[in-house]
PDB file of N, CA and C in Angstrom:
ATOM      1  N   MET A   1       4.921-119.594-103.816  1.00  0.00           N
ATOM      2  CA  MET A   1       6.049-118.674-103.930  1.00  0.00           C
ATOM      3  C   MET A   1       7.243-119.444-104.501  1.00  0.00           C
ATOM      4  N   ALA A   2       7.801-118.968-105.574  1.00  0.00           N
ATOM      5  CA  ALA A   2       8.954-119.610-106.200  1.00  0.00           C
ATOM      6  C   ALA A   2      10.242-119.090-105.582  1.00  0.00           C
ATOM      7  N   GLY A   3      11.292-119.895-105.684  1.00  0.00           N
ATOM      8  CA  GLY A   3      12.598-119.463-105.209  1.00  0.00           C
ATOM      9  C   GLY A   3      13.129-118.341-106.092  1.00  0.00           C
ATOM     10  N   LEU A   4      14.153-117.699-105.626  1.00  0.00           N
ATOM     11  CA  LEU A   4      14.807-116.623-106.366  1.00  0.00           C
ATOM     12  C   LEU A   4      15.590-117.228-107.525  1.00  0.00           C
ATOM     13  N   SER A   5      15.606-116.560-108.647  1.00  0.00           N
ATOM     14  CA  SER A   5      16.359-117.066-109.797  1.00  0.00           C
ATOM     15  C   SER A   5      17.862-116.948-109.530  1.00  0.00           C
ATOM     16  N   PRO A   6      18.680-117.748-110.239  1.00  0.00           N
ATOM     17  CA  PRO A   6      20.137-117.597-110.097  1.00  0.00           C
ATOM     18  C   PRO A   6      20.583-116.159-110.382  1.00  0.00           C
ATOM     19  N   ALA A   7      19.989-115.520-111.369  1.00  0.00           N
ATOM     20  CA  ALA A   7      20.339-114.128-111.672  1.00  0.00           C
ATOM     21  C   ALA A   7      19.973-113.210-110.510  1.00  0.00           C
ATOM     22  N   GLY A   8      18.866-113.487-109.838  1.00  0.00           N
ATOM     23  CA  GLY A   8      18.461-112.701-108.677  1.00  0.00           C
ATOM     24  C   GLY A   8      19.439-112.842-107.529  1.00  0.00           C
ATOM     25  N   VAL A   9      19.971-114.062-107.353  1.00  0.00           N
ATOM     26  CA  VAL A   9      20.974-114.295-106.312  1.00  0.00           C
ATOM     27  C   VAL A   9      22.235-113.505-106.620  1.00  0.00           C
ATOM     28  N   ILE A  10      22.706-113.591-107.858  1.00  0.00           N
ATOM     29  CA  ILE A  10      23.915-112.861-108.256  1.00  0.00           C
ATOM     30  C   ILE A  10      23.699-111.363-108.078  1.00  0.00           C
ATOM     31  N   ASN A  11      22.525-110.879-108.437  1.00  0.00           N
ATOM     32  CA  ASN A  11      22.210-109.456-108.265  1.00  0.00           C
ATOM     33  C   ASN A  11      22.270-109.056-106.788  1.00  0.00           C
ATOM     34  N   ALA A  12      21.689-109.886-105.922  1.00  0.00           N
ATOM     35  CA  ALA A  12      21.722-109.599-104.481  1.00  0.00           C
ATOM     36  C   ALA A  12      23.154-109.586-103.957  1.00  0.00           C
ATOM     37  N   LEU A  13      23.962-110.546-104.396  1.00  0.00           N
ATOM     38  CA  LEU A  13      25.365-110.593-103.959  1.00  0.00           C
ATOM     39  C   LEU A  13      26.135-109.383-104.467  1.00  0.00           C
ATOM     40  N   ALA A  14      25.888-108.993-105.716  1.00  0.00           N
ATOM     41  CA  ALA A  14      26.604-107.860-106.316  1.00  0.00           C
ATOM     42  C   ALA A  14      26.265-106.543-105.631  1.00  0.00           C
ATOM     43  N   HIS A  15      25.101-106.472-104.987  1.00  0.00           N
ATOM     44  CA  HIS A  15      24.703-105.246-104.302  1.00  0.00           C
ATOM     45  C   HIS A  15      25.020-105.256-102.809  1.00  0.00           C
ATOM     46  N   ASP A  16      25.597-106.347-102.324  1.00  0.00           N
ATOM     47  CA  ASP A  16      25.986-106.442-100.920  1.00  0.00           C
ATOM     48  C   ASP A  16      27.447-106.015-100.792  1.00  0.00           C
ATOM     49  N   VAL A  17      27.688-104.981-100.019  1.00  0.00           N
ATOM     50  CA  VAL A  17      29.033-104.418 -99.882  1.00  0.00           C
ATOM     51  C   VAL A  17      30.055-105.472 -99.451  1.00  0.00           C
ATOM     52  N   LYS A  18      29.670-106.381 -98.571  1.00  0.00           N
ATOM     53  CA  LYS A  18      30.603-107.382 -98.055  1.00  0.00           C
ATOM     54  C   LYS A  18      30.812-108.557 -99.013  1.00  0.00           C
ATOM     55  N   LEU A  19      29.909-108.730 -99.979  1.00  0.00           N
ATOM     56  CA  LEU A  19      29.975-109.910-100.835  1.00  0.00           C
ATOM     57  C   LEU A  19      30.245-109.615-102.306  1.00  0.00           C
ATOM     58  N   ARG A  20      30.125-108.369-102.715  1.00  0.00           N
ATOM     59  CA  ARG A  20      30.264-108.061-104.147  1.00  0.00           C
ATOM     60  C   ARG A  20      31.642-108.401-104.707  1.00  0.00           C
ATOM     61  N   GLY A  21      32.662-108.420-103.886  1.00  0.00           N
ATOM     62  CA  GLY A  21      34.000-108.762-104.348  1.00  0.00           C
ATOM     63  C   GLY A  21      34.159-110.217-104.761  1.00  0.00           C
ATOM     64  N   PHE A  22      33.181-111.038-104.436  1.00  0.00           N
ATOM     65  CA  PHE A  22      33.236-112.455-104.804  1.00  0.00           C
ATOM     66  C   PHE A  22      32.505-112.739-106.115  1.00  0.00           C
ATOM     67  N   VAL A  23      31.926-111.697-106.709  1.00  0.00           N
ATOM     68  CA  VAL A  23      31.145-111.847-107.938  1.00  0.00           C
ATOM     69  C   VAL A  23      31.859-111.151-109.084  1.00  0.00           C
ATOM     70  N   ARG A  24      31.946-111.868-110.209  1.00  0.00           N
ATOM     71  CA  ARG A  24      32.504-111.285-111.431  1.00  0.00           C
ATOM     72  C   ARG A  24      31.845-111.971-112.619  1.00  0.00           C
ATOM     73  N   ASN A  25      31.548-111.198-113.641  1.00  0.00           N
ATOM     74  CA  ASN A  25      30.933-111.728-114.865  1.00  0.00           C
ATOM     75  C   ASN A  25      29.660-112.520-114.578  1.00  0.00           C
ATOM     76  N   ASN A  26      28.839-111.982-113.691  1.00  0.00           N
ATOM     77  CA  ASN A  26      27.542-112.570-113.349  1.00  0.00           C
ATOM     78  C   ASN A  26      27.617-113.974-112.770  1.00  0.00           C
ATOM     79  N   MET A  27      28.697-114.262-112.074  1.00  0.00           N
ATOM     80  CA  MET A  27      28.837-115.536-111.359  1.00  0.00           C
ATOM     81  C   MET A  27      29.676-115.306-110.108  1.00  0.00           C
ATOM     82  N   ILE A  28      29.554-116.215-109.155  1.00  0.00           N
ATOM     83  CA  ILE A  28      30.469-116.190-108.016  1.00  0.00           C
ATOM     84  C   ILE A  28      31.816-116.638-108.554  1.00  0.00           C
ATOM     85  N   GLU A  29      32.827-115.825-108.327  1.00  0.00           N
ATOM     86  CA  GLU A  29      34.163-116.137-108.819  1.00  0.00           C
ATOM     87  C   GLU A  29      34.953-116.978-107.815  1.00  0.00           C
ATOM     88  N   SER A  30      34.771-116.683-106.535  1.00  0.00           N
ATOM     89  CA  SER A  30      35.483-117.420-105.489  1.00  0.00           C
ATOM     90  C   SER A  30      34.630-117.431-104.231  1.00  0.00           C
ATOM     91  N   MET A  31      34.915-118.410-103.385  1.00  0.00           N
ATOM     92  CA  MET A  31      34.190-118.519-102.120  1.00  0.00           C
ATOM     93  C   MET A  31      34.960-117.778-101.038  1.00  0.00           C
ATOM     94  N   PRO A  32      34.255-117.088-100.160  1.00  0.00           N
ATOM     95  CA  PRO A  32      34.937-116.408 -99.052  1.00  0.00           C
ATOM     96  C   PRO A  32      35.649-117.413 -98.152  1.00  0.00           C
ATOM     97  N   SER A  33      36.852-117.073 -97.741  1.00  0.00           N
ATOM     98  CA  SER A  33      37.572-117.953 -96.820  1.00  0.00           C
ATOM     99  C   SER A  33      37.080-117.755 -95.385  1.00  0.00           C
ATOM    100  N   ARG A  34      36.630-116.549 -95.081  1.00  0.00           N
ATOM    101  CA  ARG A  34      36.086-116.264 -93.745  1.00  0.00           C
ATOM    102  C   ARG A  34      34.706-116.916 -93.635  1.00  0.00           C
ATOM    103  N   ARG A  35      34.533-117.779 -92.653  1.00  0.00           N
ATOM    104  CA  ARG A  35      33.292-118.551 -92.524  1.00  0.00           C
ATOM    105  C   ARG A  35      32.064-117.657 -92.406  1.00  0.00           C
ATOM    106  N   SER A  36      32.142-116.576 -91.677  1.00  0.00           N
ATOM    107  CA  SER A  36      30.970-115.707 -91.510  1.00  0.00           C
ATOM    108  C   SER A  36      30.508-115.133 -92.852  1.00  0.00           C
ATOM    109  N   ARG A  37      31.453-114.756 -93.697  1.00  0.00           N
ATOM    110  CA  ARG A  37      31.095-114.241 -95.032  1.00  0.00           C
ATOM    111  C   ARG A  37      30.585-115.359 -95.931  1.00  0.00           C
ATOM    112  N   ARG A  38      31.214-116.531 -95.805  1.00  0.00           N
ATOM    113  CA  ARG A  38      30.784-117.671 -96.619  1.00  0.00           C
ATOM    114  C   ARG A  38      29.342-118.038 -96.279  1.00  0.00           C
ATOM    115  N   ILE A  39      29.002-118.046 -94.993  1.00  0.00           N
ATOM    116  CA  ILE A  39      27.626-118.353 -94.591  1.00  0.00           C
ATOM    117  C   ILE A  39      26.672-117.277 -95.099  1.00  0.00           C
ATOM    118  N   GLN A  40      27.087-116.041 -95.043  1.00  0.00           N
ATOM    119  CA  GLN A  40      26.266-114.954 -95.573  1.00  0.00           C
ATOM    120  C   GLN A  40      26.004-115.176 -97.070  1.00  0.00           C
ATOM    121  N   LEU A  41      27.036-115.534 -97.804  1.00  0.00           N
ATOM    122  CA  LEU A  41      26.901-115.804 -99.230  1.00  0.00           C
ATOM    123  C   LEU A  41      26.001-117.022 -99.456  1.00  0.00           C
ATOM    124  N   LEU A  42      26.217-118.077 -98.699  1.00  0.00           N
ATOM    125  CA  LEU A  42      25.406-119.288 -98.855  1.00  0.00           C
ATOM    126  C   LEU A  42      23.943-119.042 -98.523  1.00  0.00           C
ATOM    127  N   ASN A  43      23.672-118.174 -97.558  1.00  0.00           N
ATOM    128  CA  ASN A  43      22.280-117.819 -97.253  1.00  0.00           C
ATOM    129  C   ASN A  43      21.601-117.195 -98.458  1.00  0.00           C
ATOM    130  N   GLU A  44      22.340-116.386 -99.201  1.00  0.00           N
ATOM    131  CA  GLU A  44      21.783-115.798-100.432  1.00  0.00           C
ATOM    132  C   GLU A  44      21.570-116.882-101.482  1.00  0.00           C
ATOM    133  N   VAL A  45      22.545-117.761-101.647  1.00  0.00           N
ATOM    134  CA  VAL A  45      22.430-118.835-102.634  1.00  0.00           C
ATOM    135  C   VAL A  45      21.236-119.737-102.310  1.00  0.00           C
ATOM    136  N   ALA A  46      21.006-120.011-101.052  1.00  0.00           N
ATOM    137  CA  ALA A  46      19.898-120.886-100.643  1.00  0.00           C
ATOM    138  C   ALA A  46      18.546-120.330-101.073  1.00  0.00           C
ATOM    139  N   GLN A  47      18.468-119.032-101.349  1.00  0.00           N
ATOM    140  CA  GLN A  47      17.215-118.417-101.771  1.00  0.00           C
ATOM    141  C   GLN A  47      16.726-118.943-103.121  1.00  0.00           C
ATOM    142  N   VAL A  48      17.595-119.623-103.862  1.00  0.00           N
ATOM    143  CA  VAL A  48      17.201-120.227-105.133  1.00  0.00           C
ATOM    144  C   VAL A  48      16.191-121.350-104.890  1.00  0.00           C
ATOM    145  N   PHE A  49      16.260-121.972-103.738  1.00  0.00           N
ATOM    146  CA  PHE A  49      15.442-123.136-103.433  1.00  0.00           C
ATOM    147  C   PHE A  49      14.293-122.770-102.513  1.00  0.00           C
ATOM    148  N   GLU A  50      13.110-123.164-102.923  1.00  0.00           N
ATOM    149  CA  GLU A  50      11.924-122.879-102.127  1.00  0.00           C
ATOM    150  C   GLU A  50      11.796-123.900-101.002  1.00  0.00           C
ATOM    151  N   PRO A  51      11.598-123.444 -99.773  1.00  0.00           N
ATOM    152  CA  PRO A  51      11.414-124.389 -98.669  1.00  0.00           C
ATOM    153  C   PRO A  51      10.223-125.312 -98.951  1.00  0.00           C
ATOM    154  N   GLY A  52      10.381-126.577 -98.592  1.00  0.00           N
ATOM    155  CA  GLY A  52       9.298-127.539 -98.754  1.00  0.00           C
ATOM    156  C   GLY A  52       9.264-128.243-100.098  1.00  0.00           C
ATOM    157  N   ILE A  53      10.123-127.838-101.021  1.00  0.00           N
ATOM    158  CA  ILE A  53      10.164-128.451-102.349  1.00  0.00           C
ATOM    159  C   ILE A  53      11.368-129.386-102.428  1.00  0.00           C
ATOM    160  N   ARG A  54      11.175-130.532-103.008  1.00  0.00           N
ATOM    161  CA  ARG A  54      12.259-131.510-103.213  1.00  0.00           C
ATOM    162  C   ARG A  54      12.797-131.342-104.625  1.00  0.00           C
ATOM    163  N   TYR A  55      14.113-131.337-104.749  1.00  0.00           N
ATOM    164  CA  TYR A  55      14.779-131.109-106.030  1.00  0.00           C
ATOM    165  C   TYR A  55      15.687-132.289-106.365  1.00  0.00           C
ATOM    166  N   PRO A  56      15.576-132.828-107.583  1.00  0.00           N
ATOM    167  CA  PRO A  56      16.535-133.860-107.983  1.00  0.00           C
ATOM    168  C   PRO A  56      17.924-133.244-108.147  1.00  0.00           C
ATOM    169  N   GLU A  57      18.947-134.060-107.962  1.00  0.00           N
ATOM    170  CA  GLU A  57      20.313-133.555-108.021  1.00  0.00           C
ATOM    171  C   GLU A  57      20.606-132.846-109.343  1.00  0.00           C
ATOM    172  N   SER A  58      20.059-133.332-110.432  1.00  0.00           N
ATOM    173  CA  SER A  58      20.316-132.695-111.731  1.00  0.00           C
ATOM    174  C   SER A  58      19.801-131.255-111.757  1.00  0.00           C
ATOM    175  N   GLU A  59      18.656-130.998-111.148  1.00  0.00           N
ATOM    176  CA  GLU A  59      18.117-129.635-111.099  1.00  0.00           C
ATOM    177  C   GLU A  59      18.941-128.749-110.167  1.00  0.00           C
ATOM    178  N   VAL A  60      19.368-129.306-109.043  1.00  0.00           N
ATOM    179  CA  VAL A  60      20.232-128.567-108.120  1.00  0.00           C
ATOM    180  C   VAL A  60      21.521-128.178-108.842  1.00  0.00           C
ATOM    181  N   ASN A  61      22.113-129.129-109.566  1.00  0.00           N
ATOM    182  CA  ASN A  61      23.344-128.854-110.304  1.00  0.00           C
ATOM    183  C   ASN A  61      23.144-127.755-111.337  1.00  0.00           C
ATOM    184  N   GLU A  62      22.030-127.801-112.037  1.00  0.00           N
ATOM    185  CA  GLU A  62      21.746-126.788-113.056  1.00  0.00           C
ATOM    186  C   GLU A  62      21.602-125.397-112.434  1.00  0.00           C
ATOM    187  N   LEU A  63      20.842-125.306-111.355  1.00  0.00           N
ATOM    188  CA  LEU A  63      20.638-124.008-110.687  1.00  0.00           C
ATOM    189  C   LEU A  63      21.949-123.477-110.111  1.00  0.00           C
ATOM    190  N   LEU A  64      22.686-124.327-109.416  1.00  0.00           N
ATOM    191  CA  LEU A  64      23.934-123.880-108.809  1.00  0.00           C
ATOM    192  C   LEU A  64      25.011-123.608-109.851  1.00  0.00           C
ATOM    193  N   GLY A  65      25.003-124.356-110.949  1.00  0.00           N
ATOM    194  CA  GLY A  65      25.965-124.135-112.024  1.00  0.00           C
ATOM    195  C   GLY A  65      25.813-122.781-112.685  1.00  0.00           C
ATOM    196  N   ALA A  66      24.624-122.205-112.600  1.00  0.00           N
ATOM    197  CA  ALA A  66      24.394-120.857-113.137  1.00  0.00           C
ATOM    198  C   ALA A  66      24.923-119.778-112.197  1.00  0.00           C
ATOM    199  N   ILE A  67      25.324-120.194-110.980  1.00  0.00           N
ATOM    200  CA  ILE A  67      25.794-119.267-109.959  1.00  0.00           C
ATOM    201  C   ILE A  67      27.301-119.375-109.732  1.00  0.00           C
ATOM    202  N   TYR A  68      27.819-120.610-109.787  1.00  0.00           N
ATOM    203  CA  TYR A  68      29.221-120.877-109.452  1.00  0.00           C
ATOM    204  C   TYR A  68      29.706-122.040-110.301  1.00  0.00           C
ATOM    205  N   PRO A  69      30.841-121.893-110.979  1.00  0.00           N
ATOM    206  CA  PRO A  69      31.313-122.967-111.871  1.00  0.00           C
ATOM    207  C   PRO A  69      31.494-124.316-111.176  1.00  0.00           C
ATOM    208  N   ASP A  70      31.955-124.316-109.938  1.00  0.00           N
ATOM    209  CA  ASP A  70      32.140-125.563-109.198  1.00  0.00           C
ATOM    210  C   ASP A  70      30.871-125.847-108.391  1.00  0.00           C
ATOM    211  N   TYR A  71      29.807-126.188-109.107  1.00  0.00           N
ATOM    212  CA  TYR A  71      28.507-126.382-108.461  1.00  0.00           C
ATOM    213  C   TYR A  71      28.530-127.529-107.441  1.00  0.00           C
ATOM    214  N   ALA A  72      29.394-128.530-107.651  1.00  0.00           N
ATOM    215  CA  ALA A  72      29.459-129.641-106.696  1.00  0.00           C
ATOM    216  C   ALA A  72      29.970-129.156-105.334  1.00  0.00           C
ATOM    217  N   SER A  73      30.982-128.293-105.340  1.00  0.00           N
ATOM    218  CA  SER A  73      31.479-127.734-104.074  1.00  0.00           C
ATOM    219  C   SER A  73      30.425-126.849-103.431  1.00  0.00           C
ATOM    220  N   LEU A  74      29.746-126.051-104.238  1.00  0.00           N
ATOM    221  CA  LEU A  74      28.704-125.171-103.705  1.00  0.00           C
ATOM    222  C   LEU A  74      27.585-126.004-103.083  1.00  0.00           C
ATOM    223  N   ARG A  75      27.201-127.070-103.744  1.00  0.00           N
ATOM    224  CA  ARG A  75      26.171-127.971-103.222  1.00  0.00           C
ATOM    225  C   ARG A  75      26.631-128.563-101.886  1.00  0.00           C
ATOM    226  N   ARG A  76      27.894-128.978-101.820  1.00  0.00           N
ATOM    227  CA  ARG A  76      28.450-129.551-100.591  1.00  0.00           C
ATOM    228  C   ARG A  76      28.470-128.516 -99.467  1.00  0.00           C
ATOM    229  N   TYR A  77      28.856-127.271 -99.777  1.00  0.00           N
ATOM    230  CA  TYR A  77      28.828-126.203 -98.761  1.00  0.00           C
ATOM    231  C   TYR A  77      27.415-126.035 -98.205  1.00  0.00           C
ATOM    232  N   LEU A  78      26.411-126.031 -99.069  1.00  0.00           N
ATOM    233  CA  LEU A  78      25.031-125.850 -98.621  1.00  0.00           C
ATOM    234  C   LEU A  78      24.599-126.978 -97.687  1.00  0.00           C
ATOM    235  N   VAL A  79      25.016-128.198 -97.985  1.00  0.00           N
ATOM    236  CA  VAL A  79      24.677-129.336 -97.131  1.00  0.00           C
ATOM    237  C   VAL A  79      25.478-129.278 -95.832  1.00  0.00           C
ATOM    238  N   ASP A  80      26.776-129.013 -95.941  1.00  0.00           N
ATOM    239  CA  ASP A  80      27.632-128.966 -94.748  1.00  0.00           C
ATOM    240  C   ASP A  80      27.202-127.892 -93.764  1.00  0.00           C
ATOM    241  N   GLU A  81      26.728-126.766 -94.276  1.00  0.00           N
ATOM    242  CA  GLU A  81      26.292-125.662 -93.395  1.00  0.00           C
ATOM    243  C   GLU A  81      24.815-125.784 -93.015  1.00  0.00           C
ATOM    244  N   GLU A  82      24.227-126.936 -93.335  1.00  0.00           N
ATOM    245  CA  GLU A  82      22.841-127.262 -92.963  1.00  0.00           C
ATOM    246  C   GLU A  82      21.817-126.280 -93.514  1.00  0.00           C
ATOM    247  N   LEU A  83      22.071-125.817 -94.728  1.00  0.00           N
ATOM    248  CA  LEU A  83      21.078-125.020 -95.439  1.00  0.00           C
ATOM    249  C   LEU A  83      20.240-125.913 -96.343  1.00  0.00           C
ATOM    250  N   MET A  84      20.815-127.062 -96.730  1.00  0.00           N
ATOM    251  CA  MET A  84      20.095-128.056 -97.516  1.00  0.00           C
ATOM    252  C   MET A  84      20.401-129.438 -96.952  1.00  0.00           C
ATOM    253  N   ALA A  85      19.469-130.350 -97.185  1.00  0.00           N
ATOM    254  CA  ALA A  85      19.662-131.753 -96.817  1.00  0.00           C
ATOM    255  C   ALA A  85      19.552-132.572 -98.091  1.00  0.00           C
ATOM    256  N   ARG A  86      20.045-133.815 -98.026  1.00  0.00           N
ATOM    257  CA  ARG A  86      19.965-134.685 -99.193  1.00  0.00           C
ATOM    258  C   ARG A  86      19.766-136.129 -98.756  1.00  0.00           C
ATOM    259  N   ALA A  87      19.110-136.865 -99.626  1.00  0.00           N
ATOM    260  CA  ALA A  87      18.936-138.303 -99.446  1.00  0.00           C
ATOM    261  C   ALA A  87      18.577-138.898-100.797  1.00  0.00           C
ATOM    262  N   GLU A  88      19.314-139.926-101.186  1.00  0.00           N
ATOM    263  CA  GLU A  88      19.041-140.672-102.414  1.00  0.00           C
ATOM    264  C   GLU A  88      18.914-139.774-103.643  1.00  0.00           C
ATOM    265  N   GLY A  89      19.815-138.801-103.765  1.00  0.00           N
ATOM    266  CA  GLY A  89      19.828-137.937-104.939  1.00  0.00           C
ATOM    267  C   GLY A  89      18.778-136.842-104.955  1.00  0.00           C
ATOM    268  N   ILE A  90      18.096-136.650-103.842  1.00  0.00           N
ATOM    269  CA  ILE A  90      17.072-135.599-103.721  1.00  0.00           C
ATOM    270  C   ILE A  90      17.548-134.600-102.671  1.00  0.00           C
ATOM    271  N   TYR A  91      17.367-133.314-102.960  1.00  0.00           N
ATOM    272  CA  TYR A  91      17.801-132.232-102.076  1.00  0.00           C
ATOM    273  C   TYR A  91      16.594-131.378-101.699  1.00  0.00           C
ATOM    274  N   TRP A  92      16.642-130.809-100.499  1.00  0.00           N
ATOM    275  CA  TRP A  92      15.624-129.881-100.061  1.00  0.00           C
ATOM    276  C   TRP A  92      16.244-128.901 -99.088  1.00  0.00           C
ATOM    277  N   ARG A  93      15.644-127.731 -99.063  1.00  0.00           N
ATOM    278  CA  ARG A  93      16.162-126.656 -98.212  1.00  0.00           C
ATOM    279  C   ARG A  93      15.686-126.850 -96.785  1.00  0.00           C
ATOM    280  N   ILE A  94      16.627-126.730 -95.838  1.00  0.00           N
ATOM    281  CA  ILE A  94      16.292-126.903 -94.425  1.00  0.00           C
ATOM    282  C   ILE A  94      16.699-125.713 -93.564  1.00  0.00           C
ATOM    283  N   GLY A  95      17.352-124.710 -94.143  1.00  0.00           N
ATOM    284  CA  GLY A  95      17.810-123.590 -93.331  1.00  0.00           C
ATOM    285  C   GLY A  95      17.938-122.322 -94.135  1.00  0.00           C
ATOM    286  N   GLY A  96      18.404-121.310 -93.447  1.00  0.00           N
ATOM    287  CA  GLY A  96      18.591-119.995 -94.077  1.00  0.00           C
ATOM    288  C   GLY A  96      17.343-119.150 -93.964  1.00  0.00           C
ATOM    289  N   PRO A  97      17.490-117.863 -94.240  1.00  0.00           N
ATOM    290  CA  PRO A  97      16.344-116.965 -94.160  1.00  0.00           C
ATOM    291  C   PRO A  97      15.341-117.252 -95.280  1.00  0.00           C
ATOM    292  N   VAL A  98      14.112-116.914 -95.040  1.00  0.00           N
ATOM    293  CA  VAL A  98      13.062-117.081 -96.045  1.00  0.00           C
ATOM    294  C   VAL A  98      12.609-115.704 -96.479  1.00  0.00           C
ATOM    295  N   ALA A  99      12.734-115.428 -97.774  1.00  0.00           N
ATOM    296  CA  ALA A  99      12.281-114.142 -98.315  1.00  0.00           C
ATOM    297  C   ALA A  99      10.769-114.073 -98.283  1.00  0.00           C
ATOM    298  N   HIS A 100      10.239-112.902 -97.974  1.00  0.00           N
ATOM    299  CA  HIS A 100       8.782-112.722 -97.914  1.00  0.00           C
ATOM    300  C   HIS A 100       8.284-112.069 -99.164  1.00  0.00           C
TER     301      HIS A 100
END
C-alpha cells in the first residue's frame, strides 16, 4: 500500500470543513495556531508517508514541499508531534491514523 499523494492530502484538507481555510492554490497556505487543528492537519499530511518505509531527507523535503512552501517547518512539526521520527537523515512514520 502506497502513501497518499501530496495532491490527495491537499484534496482531503480542502474538503475538511475545519481545515479548508488553511489551503489555497493547492497548497497549505498557513499552519493552524490552535494545536488541536494543527494536529488534525498534520495527521492528514502524515498520510503521504507509508508506515514501515524509511525515507531519505531529500524525498521527505520533496513530498512536503509539494504541500507547504516551508517544508522544513512542516517536517519539524511532524517530528515534534511524534508523527515521524528521524535519525541520520532518514525519516519514518511513527504515528497518526493509517488509511485502509
